[in-house]
Protein backbone atom coordinates (compact mmCIF):
# COMPACT_ATOMS: atom_id res chain seq x y z
CA MET A 1 -60.28 -90.49 9.24
CA THR A 2 -58.55 -87.50 8.46
CA GLN A 3 -55.42 -87.58 6.77
CA TRP A 4 -53.34 -84.86 7.83
CA ALA A 5 -50.34 -85.46 5.60
CA GLY A 6 -50.60 -83.03 3.22
CA ARG A 7 -51.76 -80.53 5.05
CA THR A 8 -49.85 -76.97 6.10
CA ALA A 9 -48.30 -76.43 9.47
CA VAL A 10 -50.68 -73.95 10.19
CA GLU A 11 -53.66 -76.25 10.07
CA ILE A 12 -51.68 -79.26 11.66
CA ALA A 13 -50.96 -76.71 14.77
CA GLU A 14 -54.20 -75.19 15.15
CA ALA A 15 -56.00 -78.69 15.04
CA VAL A 16 -53.17 -80.01 17.27
CA ARG A 17 -54.18 -77.18 19.83
CA ARG A 18 -57.57 -77.18 19.22
CA LYS A 19 -57.37 -80.95 20.51
CA GLU A 20 -59.41 -82.15 16.95
CA VAL A 21 -56.61 -84.27 16.83
CA THR A 22 -53.50 -85.82 18.65
CA PRO A 23 -49.51 -84.69 17.74
CA ARG A 24 -49.04 -89.08 17.85
CA GLU A 25 -52.15 -89.04 15.25
CA VAL A 26 -50.39 -86.44 13.00
CA VAL A 27 -47.01 -87.85 13.29
CA ALA A 28 -48.09 -91.71 12.77
CA GLY A 29 -50.07 -90.60 9.50
CA HIS A 30 -46.38 -88.82 8.32
CA LEU A 31 -44.50 -91.83 9.29
CA ALA A 32 -47.08 -93.72 7.12
CA ARG A 33 -46.62 -91.34 4.07
CA ILE A 34 -42.87 -91.13 4.54
CA ALA A 35 -43.02 -95.20 4.80
CA GLU A 36 -45.04 -95.50 1.09
CA ALA A 37 -42.70 -92.49 -0.65
CA ASN A 38 -39.19 -92.11 0.70
CA ASP A 39 -37.99 -95.21 -1.49
CA ARG A 40 -39.00 -93.42 -4.29
CA ILE A 41 -38.09 -89.78 -3.86
CA GLY A 42 -34.96 -90.41 -1.42
CA ALA A 43 -35.78 -87.51 1.09
CA PHE A 44 -34.35 -89.07 4.25
CA ARG A 45 -31.29 -90.42 5.59
CA VAL A 46 -32.68 -91.08 9.01
CA VAL A 47 -36.21 -92.24 9.78
CA ARG A 48 -36.99 -91.19 13.64
CA ALA A 49 -40.18 -93.73 13.82
CA ALA A 50 -39.54 -94.71 17.32
CA ALA A 51 -38.47 -91.56 18.72
CA ALA A 52 -40.83 -89.43 16.83
CA LEU A 53 -44.01 -90.82 18.05
CA ALA A 54 -42.47 -91.07 21.37
CA GLU A 55 -41.63 -87.21 21.13
CA ALA A 56 -45.23 -86.53 19.86
CA ASP A 57 -46.92 -88.11 23.29
CA ALA A 58 -44.67 -85.77 25.11
CA VAL A 59 -46.04 -82.53 23.25
CA GLY A 60 -49.01 -84.37 23.43
CA ASP A 61 -48.71 -84.04 27.45
CA ARG A 62 -47.59 -80.62 27.73
CA THR A 63 -49.41 -78.25 29.90
CA ASP A 64 -48.79 -75.31 27.16
CA LEU A 65 -50.19 -77.15 24.17
CA ASP A 66 -52.56 -74.63 23.76
CA ARG A 67 -49.74 -71.91 23.35
CA LEU A 68 -47.47 -73.57 20.94
CA PRO A 69 -46.88 -71.73 17.69
CA LEU A 70 -45.88 -75.64 16.00
CA ALA A 71 -48.10 -77.55 18.08
CA GLY A 72 -47.69 -81.05 17.03
CA VAL A 73 -46.16 -80.56 13.30
CA PRO A 74 -43.86 -82.90 12.01
CA VAL A 75 -40.65 -81.21 10.78
CA ALA A 76 -37.70 -82.68 8.88
CA ILE A 77 -33.77 -81.53 9.41
CA LYS A 78 -31.06 -80.90 7.25
CA ASP A 79 -28.22 -83.42 7.82
CA ASN A 80 -25.64 -80.59 8.46
CA LEU A 81 -27.57 -79.77 11.88
CA PRO A 82 -27.17 -81.34 14.82
CA VAL A 83 -30.15 -83.21 16.14
CA ARG A 84 -29.95 -84.66 19.89
CA GLY A 85 -29.67 -88.42 19.16
CA GLU A 86 -28.24 -88.74 15.74
CA SER A 87 -25.34 -88.82 13.50
CA THR A 88 -24.83 -85.96 11.53
CA ARG A 89 -23.40 -87.13 8.18
CA ASN A 90 -23.29 -83.87 6.01
CA GLY A 91 -23.44 -86.32 2.96
CA SER A 92 -19.66 -87.85 3.30
CA ALA A 93 -18.37 -91.33 4.44
CA ALA A 94 -15.62 -89.39 5.94
CA THR A 95 -17.97 -87.76 8.83
CA SER A 96 -18.46 -89.00 12.36
CA THR A 97 -21.16 -91.94 13.18
CA ALA A 98 -21.27 -90.35 16.93
CA PRO A 99 -24.96 -89.43 17.99
CA ALA A 100 -25.05 -85.53 18.60
CA SER A 101 -25.15 -84.78 22.47
CA ALA A 102 -27.18 -81.23 22.34
CA ASP A 103 -29.67 -80.07 19.69
CA HIS A 104 -28.57 -76.94 17.15
CA VAL A 105 -30.39 -73.65 18.23
CA THR A 106 -32.71 -73.93 15.25
CA VAL A 107 -33.61 -77.70 16.38
CA ALA A 108 -33.86 -76.37 19.46
CA ARG A 109 -36.01 -73.69 18.66
CA LEU A 110 -38.07 -76.02 16.46
CA ARG A 111 -39.09 -78.29 19.23
CA ALA A 112 -39.82 -75.47 21.92
CA ALA A 113 -42.37 -74.31 19.72
CA GLY A 114 -43.81 -78.21 19.89
CA ALA A 115 -42.19 -79.46 16.11
CA ILE A 116 -41.38 -82.93 15.79
CA VAL A 117 -38.65 -84.05 14.24
CA VAL A 118 -39.20 -87.16 12.29
CA GLY A 119 -36.11 -87.68 10.52
CA LEU A 120 -32.98 -85.95 9.05
CA THR A 121 -33.13 -85.64 5.17
CA HIS A 122 -30.44 -86.21 2.19
CA VAL A 123 -27.49 -83.35 1.42
CA PRO A 124 -24.59 -83.72 -1.01
CA GLU A 125 -21.10 -84.16 0.50
CA LEU A 126 -20.35 -81.28 2.62
CA CYS A 127 -23.58 -79.48 1.20
CA VAL A 128 -21.18 -78.24 -1.89
CA PHE A 129 -23.28 -78.58 -4.54
CA GLY A 130 -26.25 -77.93 -6.39
CA THR A 131 -27.72 -81.53 -7.01
CA THR A 132 -28.20 -84.17 -3.84
CA ASP A 133 -26.32 -87.19 -4.36
CA GLY A 134 -23.67 -89.36 -2.66
CA VAL A 135 -22.90 -91.98 -0.60
CA HIS A 136 -26.01 -91.90 1.47
CA GLY A 137 -28.44 -91.54 -1.52
CA THR A 138 -30.21 -89.09 -4.07
CA ALA A 139 -32.94 -86.87 -3.38
CA ARG A 140 -35.74 -86.82 -6.20
CA ASN A 141 -37.58 -84.09 -7.75
CA PRO A 142 -41.36 -85.57 -6.46
CA TRP A 143 -42.68 -84.14 -9.66
CA ASP A 144 -40.16 -85.79 -11.91
CA PRO A 145 -38.40 -88.55 -9.81
CA THR A 146 -35.76 -88.52 -12.66
CA ARG A 147 -34.68 -85.04 -12.30
CA THR A 148 -32.46 -83.85 -9.03
CA ALA A 149 -34.82 -82.47 -6.18
CA GLY A 150 -31.91 -79.72 -6.33
CA GLY A 151 -29.26 -79.17 -3.52
CA SER A 152 -27.92 -78.73 -1.35
CA SER A 153 -31.03 -78.98 1.00
CA GLY A 154 -32.22 -81.40 -1.58
CA GLY A 155 -33.54 -83.95 1.18
CA SER A 156 -35.84 -81.35 2.77
CA ALA A 157 -37.12 -79.81 -0.20
CA ALA A 158 -38.10 -83.34 -1.31
CA ALA A 159 -39.84 -84.33 1.80
CA VAL A 160 -41.92 -80.86 1.55
CA ALA A 161 -43.15 -81.60 -1.98
CA ALA A 162 -43.84 -84.71 -1.22
CA GLY A 163 -45.95 -84.18 1.46
CA LEU A 164 -43.85 -86.31 3.76
CA VAL A 165 -43.84 -82.98 5.91
CA PRO A 166 -44.93 -79.99 5.92
CA ILE A 167 -42.19 -77.88 7.16
CA ALA A 168 -38.15 -78.73 6.90
CA LEU A 169 -35.13 -76.96 7.75
CA GLY A 170 -32.05 -76.28 5.75
CA ASN A 171 -29.09 -73.56 5.02
CA ASP A 172 -28.45 -72.01 1.97
CA GLY A 173 -24.88 -70.72 1.05
CA MET A 174 -24.85 -70.63 -2.34
CA GLY A 175 -28.84 -70.93 -2.91
CA SER A 176 -29.01 -74.23 -1.06
CA LEU A 177 -32.46 -72.98 0.32
CA ARG A 178 -33.67 -71.37 -3.18
CA ILE A 179 -32.29 -73.99 -5.61
CA PRO A 180 -34.31 -76.82 -4.20
CA ALA A 181 -37.36 -74.72 -3.61
CA ALA A 182 -37.43 -73.59 -7.06
CA HIS A 183 -36.94 -76.95 -8.31
CA CYS A 184 -39.74 -78.37 -6.35
CA GLY A 185 -42.25 -75.70 -6.55
CA LEU A 186 -41.60 -74.36 -2.82
CA ILE A 187 -40.96 -71.73 -0.57
CA GLY A 188 -36.97 -71.06 0.57
CA LEU A 189 -36.51 -68.25 2.22
CA LYS A 190 -33.07 -67.33 2.89
CA PRO A 191 -32.88 -64.70 5.87
CA GLY A 192 -30.81 -61.55 6.01
CA THR A 193 -27.28 -62.01 7.81
CA GLY A 194 -27.90 -62.92 11.75
CA ARG A 195 -31.63 -62.73 11.68
CA ILE A 196 -31.32 -66.48 12.68
CA PRO A 197 -28.54 -68.05 14.65
CA PHE A 198 -26.01 -69.98 12.53
CA ASP A 199 -24.20 -71.36 15.36
CA LEU A 200 -21.94 -74.10 12.75
CA HIS A 201 -18.24 -74.87 12.08
CA GLY A 202 -17.90 -72.68 8.87
CA GLY A 203 -20.50 -70.64 7.43
CA TRP A 204 -18.65 -69.91 3.92
CA PHE A 205 -16.82 -67.06 5.16
CA GLY A 206 -20.26 -65.50 6.53
CA MET A 207 -22.26 -66.51 3.16
CA SER A 208 -24.58 -69.42 4.82
CA GLU A 209 -27.78 -68.98 6.84
CA HIS A 210 -30.47 -71.30 8.26
CA GLY A 211 -33.97 -70.73 6.83
CA PRO A 212 -37.35 -72.71 6.36
CA LEU A 213 -38.74 -74.59 3.58
CA ALA A 214 -42.60 -74.59 3.07
CA THR A 215 -45.21 -74.32 0.67
CA THR A 216 -47.36 -71.56 1.62
CA ALA A 217 -46.41 -67.95 2.84
CA ALA A 218 -48.23 -68.53 6.02
CA ASP A 219 -46.07 -71.61 6.71
CA ALA A 220 -42.91 -69.84 5.85
CA ARG A 221 -43.65 -66.72 7.88
CA LEU A 222 -44.66 -69.13 10.79
CA MET A 223 -41.05 -71.22 10.74
CA PHE A 224 -39.27 -68.31 10.02
CA SER A 225 -40.61 -66.55 13.10
CA VAL A 226 -39.98 -69.58 15.32
CA LEU A 227 -36.53 -70.04 14.16
CA ALA A 228 -35.42 -65.77 14.21
CA GLY A 229 -37.01 -66.11 17.94
CA GLU A 230 -39.37 -63.23 17.15
CA PRO A 231 -42.69 -63.13 19.24
CA VAL A 232 -44.73 -65.73 17.87
CA GLY A 233 -48.80 -65.82 19.05
CA PRO A 234 -50.38 -69.29 19.68
CA ASP A 235 -52.09 -68.93 15.95
CA GLY A 236 -49.03 -67.81 14.63
CA SER A 237 -50.62 -64.58 14.37
CA ASP A 238 -47.36 -61.92 15.85
CA GLY A 239 -45.32 -63.71 13.21
CA ALA A 240 -47.90 -63.99 10.14
CA SER A 241 -49.65 -60.59 10.06
CA ARG A 242 -46.88 -58.24 9.59
CA GLY A 243 -48.34 -56.89 6.19
CA GLU A 244 -51.12 -53.85 5.67
CA PRO A 245 -54.57 -54.58 6.11
CA ASP A 246 -55.26 -54.94 2.45
CA GLY A 247 -51.86 -56.23 1.88
CA PRO A 248 -48.37 -55.35 1.23
CA ARG A 249 -47.91 -51.23 0.00
CA ARG A 250 -47.35 -50.26 -3.04
CA LEU A 251 -43.68 -50.93 -3.58
CA ASN A 252 -40.62 -50.05 -5.96
CA ILE A 253 -39.74 -52.99 -7.56
CA ALA A 254 -36.99 -53.90 -10.11
CA PHE A 255 -37.15 -57.04 -12.10
CA SER A 256 -34.20 -57.90 -14.35
CA THR A 257 -33.42 -61.45 -16.20
CA ARG A 258 -29.50 -60.41 -16.10
CA SER A 259 -27.24 -63.29 -14.55
CA PRO A 260 -24.40 -62.19 -12.21
CA ILE A 261 -22.16 -64.48 -13.93
CA LEU A 262 -19.87 -63.62 -17.08
CA GLY A 263 -21.23 -65.89 -19.94
CA VAL A 264 -24.25 -67.53 -18.19
CA ARG A 265 -27.29 -66.66 -19.55
CA VAL A 266 -30.99 -67.41 -18.29
CA GLY A 267 -32.94 -69.33 -20.48
CA ALA A 268 -35.62 -68.19 -22.46
CA ALA A 269 -38.72 -69.89 -20.41
CA CYS A 270 -37.32 -69.15 -16.60
CA ALA A 271 -37.40 -65.55 -17.95
CA ALA A 272 -40.58 -65.75 -19.33
CA LEU A 273 -41.83 -66.71 -15.91
CA ALA A 274 -39.94 -64.03 -14.39
CA ARG A 275 -41.99 -61.34 -16.79
CA ARG A 276 -45.01 -62.84 -16.11
CA ALA A 277 -44.89 -62.40 -12.37
CA ALA A 278 -44.03 -58.67 -13.23
CA ARG A 279 -46.61 -58.00 -14.99
CA THR A 280 -48.58 -59.83 -12.36
CA LEU A 281 -46.80 -57.97 -9.27
CA SER A 282 -47.51 -54.48 -11.58
CA GLY A 283 -51.23 -55.24 -12.44
CA ALA A 284 -51.28 -55.44 -7.98
CA GLY A 285 -50.76 -51.87 -7.87
CA HIS A 286 -46.74 -52.35 -7.19
CA HIS A 287 -44.69 -50.09 -9.69
CA VAL A 288 -42.19 -52.36 -11.24
CA ALA A 289 -39.48 -51.08 -14.11
CA THR A 290 -36.40 -53.18 -15.93
CA ALA A 291 -33.16 -52.50 -14.28
CA HIS A 292 -29.96 -54.88 -13.37
CA PRO A 293 -28.44 -54.34 -10.17
CA PRO A 294 -24.67 -53.29 -11.09
CA TYR A 295 -23.19 -56.60 -10.48
CA PRO A 296 -19.32 -55.99 -10.14
CA LEU A 297 -17.33 -58.37 -12.73
CA SER A 298 -15.15 -59.31 -9.84
CA PHE A 299 -18.15 -61.27 -8.84
CA GLY A 300 -17.63 -64.76 -9.86
CA THR A 301 -14.47 -65.01 -8.57
CA ALA A 302 -15.39 -63.89 -5.19
CA VAL A 303 -17.49 -66.28 -4.26
CA LEU A 304 -15.87 -68.63 -6.04
CA ALA A 305 -13.32 -68.05 -3.64
CA ARG A 306 -15.11 -67.97 -0.23
CA TRP A 307 -17.45 -71.41 -1.79
CA THR A 308 -14.20 -73.07 -2.24
CA GLY A 309 -12.21 -71.83 0.95
CA GLY A 310 -15.29 -72.67 3.28
CA VAL A 311 -15.43 -75.93 2.43
CA ALA A 312 -11.85 -76.57 2.50
CA GLN A 313 -12.20 -75.03 6.46
CA GLU A 314 -14.67 -78.20 7.05
CA ALA A 315 -13.29 -80.63 5.64
CA GLU A 316 -10.18 -79.73 7.97
CA GLY A 317 -9.86 -82.95 9.83
CA LEU A 318 -11.52 -85.49 7.72
CA ASP A 319 -9.86 -88.53 5.52
CA PRO A 320 -9.39 -87.00 2.35
CA ARG A 321 -9.45 -90.42 0.56
CA LEU A 322 -12.96 -90.94 1.84
CA LEU A 323 -14.30 -87.71 0.17
CA ALA A 324 -15.38 -88.22 -3.31
CA PRO A 325 -13.21 -86.79 -6.06
CA ARG A 326 -15.48 -83.52 -6.95
CA THR A 327 -15.01 -82.65 -2.78
CA ARG A 328 -11.27 -83.22 -3.08
CA HIS A 329 -10.81 -81.14 -5.92
CA HIS A 330 -12.75 -78.36 -4.60
CA VAL A 331 -11.29 -78.45 -1.07
CA ARG A 332 -7.80 -78.34 -3.10
CA ALA A 333 -9.41 -75.09 -4.66
CA GLY A 334 -10.17 -73.30 -1.65
CA ARG A 335 -6.87 -73.70 -0.41
CA LEU A 336 -5.04 -72.34 -3.00
CA ALA A 337 -7.72 -69.19 -3.22
CA GLU A 338 -6.15 -68.91 0.36
CA ARG A 339 -2.86 -69.11 -0.25
CA LEU A 340 -3.03 -66.97 -2.99
CA GLY A 341 -4.76 -64.03 -0.96
CA MET A 342 -8.31 -64.21 -2.30
CA LEU A 343 -10.39 -64.41 0.88
CA ARG A 344 -8.63 -61.11 2.59
CA THR A 345 -10.52 -58.74 0.71
CA ASP A 346 -13.86 -57.69 2.01
CA HIS A 347 -16.02 -58.62 -1.14
CA ARG A 348 -19.64 -58.45 0.78
CA ALA A 349 -18.48 -54.56 1.85
CA ALA A 350 -17.93 -53.55 -1.40
CA LEU A 351 -20.55 -55.44 -3.12
CA ASN A 352 -23.19 -53.84 -0.49
CA GLU A 353 -21.29 -50.15 -1.47
CA ARG A 354 -22.05 -50.80 -4.47
CA LEU A 355 -25.74 -52.00 -4.41
CA LYS A 356 -26.16 -49.42 -2.27
CA PRO A 357 -27.99 -46.50 -4.69
CA PHE A 358 -29.48 -49.62 -6.48
CA PHE A 359 -31.70 -50.87 -3.21
CA GLU A 360 -32.09 -47.32 -2.03
CA GLU A 361 -34.36 -46.88 -5.28
CA TYR A 362 -35.99 -50.28 -5.72
CA ASP A 363 -37.43 -51.95 -2.00
CA VAL A 364 -37.36 -55.19 -4.04
CA LEU A 365 -35.44 -57.05 -6.73
CA LEU A 366 -37.47 -59.33 -8.93
CA THR A 367 -35.62 -62.56 -10.43
CA PRO A 368 -35.92 -65.93 -12.17
CA ALA A 369 -34.69 -67.91 -9.22
CA LEU A 370 -33.13 -70.69 -11.52
CA ALA A 371 -31.76 -69.90 -15.39
CA ARG A 372 -32.87 -73.61 -16.66
CA PRO A 373 -34.73 -76.68 -15.48
CA GLY A 374 -32.62 -79.19 -12.94
CA PRO A 375 -30.51 -82.19 -14.67
CA ALA A 376 -30.99 -85.47 -13.92
CA ALA A 377 -31.33 -87.07 -10.74
CA GLU A 378 -27.60 -88.90 -11.33
CA ALA A 379 -24.36 -89.67 -9.41
CA TRP A 380 -22.92 -86.40 -9.90
CA HIS A 381 -20.69 -86.91 -7.46
CA GLU A 382 -19.00 -89.67 -9.33
CA ARG A 383 -18.39 -87.51 -11.79
CA GLY A 384 -15.76 -84.49 -12.33
CA TRP A 385 -15.43 -81.24 -10.29
CA VAL A 386 -15.50 -79.16 -13.83
CA THR A 387 -18.29 -81.04 -14.95
CA ASN A 388 -20.29 -80.45 -11.81
CA MET A 389 -19.34 -76.31 -11.51
CA LEU A 390 -20.50 -76.28 -15.40
CA VAL A 391 -23.89 -77.84 -14.55
CA ASN A 392 -24.30 -75.79 -11.52
CA THR A 393 -23.41 -72.45 -12.82
CA ALA A 394 -25.40 -73.22 -16.17
CA CYS A 395 -28.50 -73.60 -13.90
CA SER A 396 -28.03 -71.45 -10.83
CA PRO A 397 -26.47 -68.08 -11.37
CA MET A 398 -28.77 -65.92 -9.65
CA THR A 399 -28.62 -67.35 -6.00
CA PRO A 400 -25.42 -66.62 -4.68
CA PRO A 401 -24.35 -62.52 -5.08
CA TRP A 402 -27.24 -62.69 -2.03
CA ASN A 403 -25.59 -64.99 -0.04
CA LEU A 404 -22.04 -62.33 -0.77
CA SER A 405 -24.12 -59.57 0.21
CA GLY A 406 -26.08 -60.85 3.32
CA ARG A 407 -29.57 -59.46 2.39
CA PRO A 408 -32.54 -61.37 2.44
CA ALA A 409 -33.81 -63.30 -0.49
CA LEU A 410 -36.56 -66.33 -1.44
CA ALA A 411 -37.49 -68.76 -4.21
CA MET A 412 -41.18 -69.07 -4.54
CA PRO A 413 -43.67 -71.09 -7.01
CA PHE A 414 -44.53 -69.39 -9.91
CA GLY A 415 -46.06 -71.05 -13.26
CA SER A 416 -44.81 -74.13 -14.68
CA LEU A 417 -42.38 -74.76 -17.23
CA PRO A 418 -43.02 -76.57 -20.71
CA SER A 419 -41.84 -79.93 -19.05
CA GLY A 420 -44.49 -79.59 -16.49
CA LEU A 421 -42.09 -78.96 -13.55
CA PRO A 422 -43.21 -76.06 -11.13
CA GLY A 423 -41.56 -72.21 -12.62
CA SER A 424 -40.00 -70.18 -9.58
CA VAL A 425 -39.34 -66.73 -8.94
CA GLN A 426 -36.41 -64.93 -6.98
CA LEU A 427 -37.36 -62.19 -4.52
CA VAL A 428 -34.74 -60.14 -2.82
CA GLY A 429 -34.98 -57.18 -0.52
CA ARG A 430 -33.39 -54.94 1.71
CA PRO A 431 -31.79 -55.90 5.46
CA GLY A 432 -34.31 -57.05 7.48
CA SER A 433 -37.48 -57.06 4.95
CA GLU A 434 -38.20 -60.74 5.58
CA HIS A 435 -41.55 -60.28 6.32
CA GLN A 436 -41.91 -57.35 3.40
CA LEU A 437 -40.99 -60.23 1.11
CA LEU A 438 -43.38 -62.45 2.43
CA ASP A 439 -45.84 -60.30 2.10
CA LEU A 440 -45.18 -60.37 -1.48
CA VAL A 441 -45.42 -63.96 -1.38
CA ALA A 442 -48.56 -64.10 0.48
CA GLN A 443 -49.84 -61.50 -2.67
CA LEU A 444 -49.05 -63.40 -5.32
CA GLU A 445 -50.08 -66.66 -4.01
CA GLU A 446 -53.62 -64.79 -3.27
CA LEU A 447 -53.32 -63.85 -7.36
CA HIS A 448 -51.49 -66.78 -8.80
CA PRO A 449 -52.17 -69.91 -6.75
CA TRP A 450 -49.92 -72.84 -7.23
CA ARG A 451 -50.04 -76.16 -6.38
CA ARG A 452 -48.96 -77.12 -3.21
CA THR A 453 -47.36 -80.75 -3.35
CA ALA A 454 -46.33 -82.71 -6.45
CA PRO A 455 -49.33 -84.43 -8.50
CA GLY A 456 -50.08 -88.12 -7.17
CA GLU A 457 -48.07 -87.47 -3.93
CA THR A 458 -51.49 -85.95 -1.75
CA THR A 459 -55.10 -85.12 -1.95
CA SER A 460 -54.04 -82.01 -0.79
CA THR A 461 -53.53 -79.62 -3.74
CA ARG A 462 -54.42 -75.61 -3.76
């Protein structure tokens, strides 16, 4: 019997459209894998076993099956996005247990393309922090379950890296797709502002975007195209062949390991992987030069104000007694930022004006995705706010500038850290350059392939 858990979304959809396998068979195989591994990995808060099988049968009965780009593909949804019939807990004991009456627009687009929602994944409370743990559970890195899967889309990343689903949906307000992608050896794409409808309360003053987590460039591109409402052929070709016939055109790429946050440095191992990626791109014909974005001195303060202020908005109406202490402190900091007028300045416009000459000269920026390996998978929600802030900032200072600026950015696997955990680099582009960034990912995937899922999780490797 063919094993479908561990296969790519593109492979699964093609097989379903050709009627080599039914959506029910695909989903049943993934549900069996979830039952085997989820207790150890902690990816899912809710597994929709019966509902997913019923929805798989409905997809199999569709008369347009041959035209569905995600036909029969199991997908996991981050638990801050409404899924019809399921509660949206957002990692908190303070949120409502009532089921959502309708799907979020991104979930609806995935379902319209033939995808099947198998479950909702763990997040830290209100998606605030870069580790995924809380009252509902802890998401662990499938490559080393003693370490965090990252956050806040940690459950989604763990699900994909463990081969429980081929693709997953998350969102990114300070790196919440890219951080767990980097920890778990995945592609995590934060699109530019407005490329995918946000349509969710809050959004951290425009810093948050929805996007895909995947193991290949083709899967990431296919899912992004569906989420963005782009025309996609039945085999994903319209969304998956945007590059030049022989690969990406020659690009001017800036390489930098300089942290945008004063006092935070990138560790030697993460910097070395990024240098290796720079050499690989240079050898592939791109012009790569060391050049540092002109991050303003006020960057850290501006991002902190929006991060805390956005969470304070989302916490309105929630019982503070049911929030974890670190979350309550974050909310208090956000309310203070609002009282001090720190949210009135248009820091996005100021940052982009400052960055404009840099991105006029360079098509793409290459940086480390992380500054150091992720911390242990522990009860960080029981620790103090300052401790969490220091740990988060030390690990992932490279992601927030691109939330504030609204530019597309992604994390992708590259090499390995000395511990054996996956290495990762970040690519940042100009507005509207998501497909160009994915072209570069596809090129690096060919030149420097990676193992798609964690060893021992599935039999599928690359």
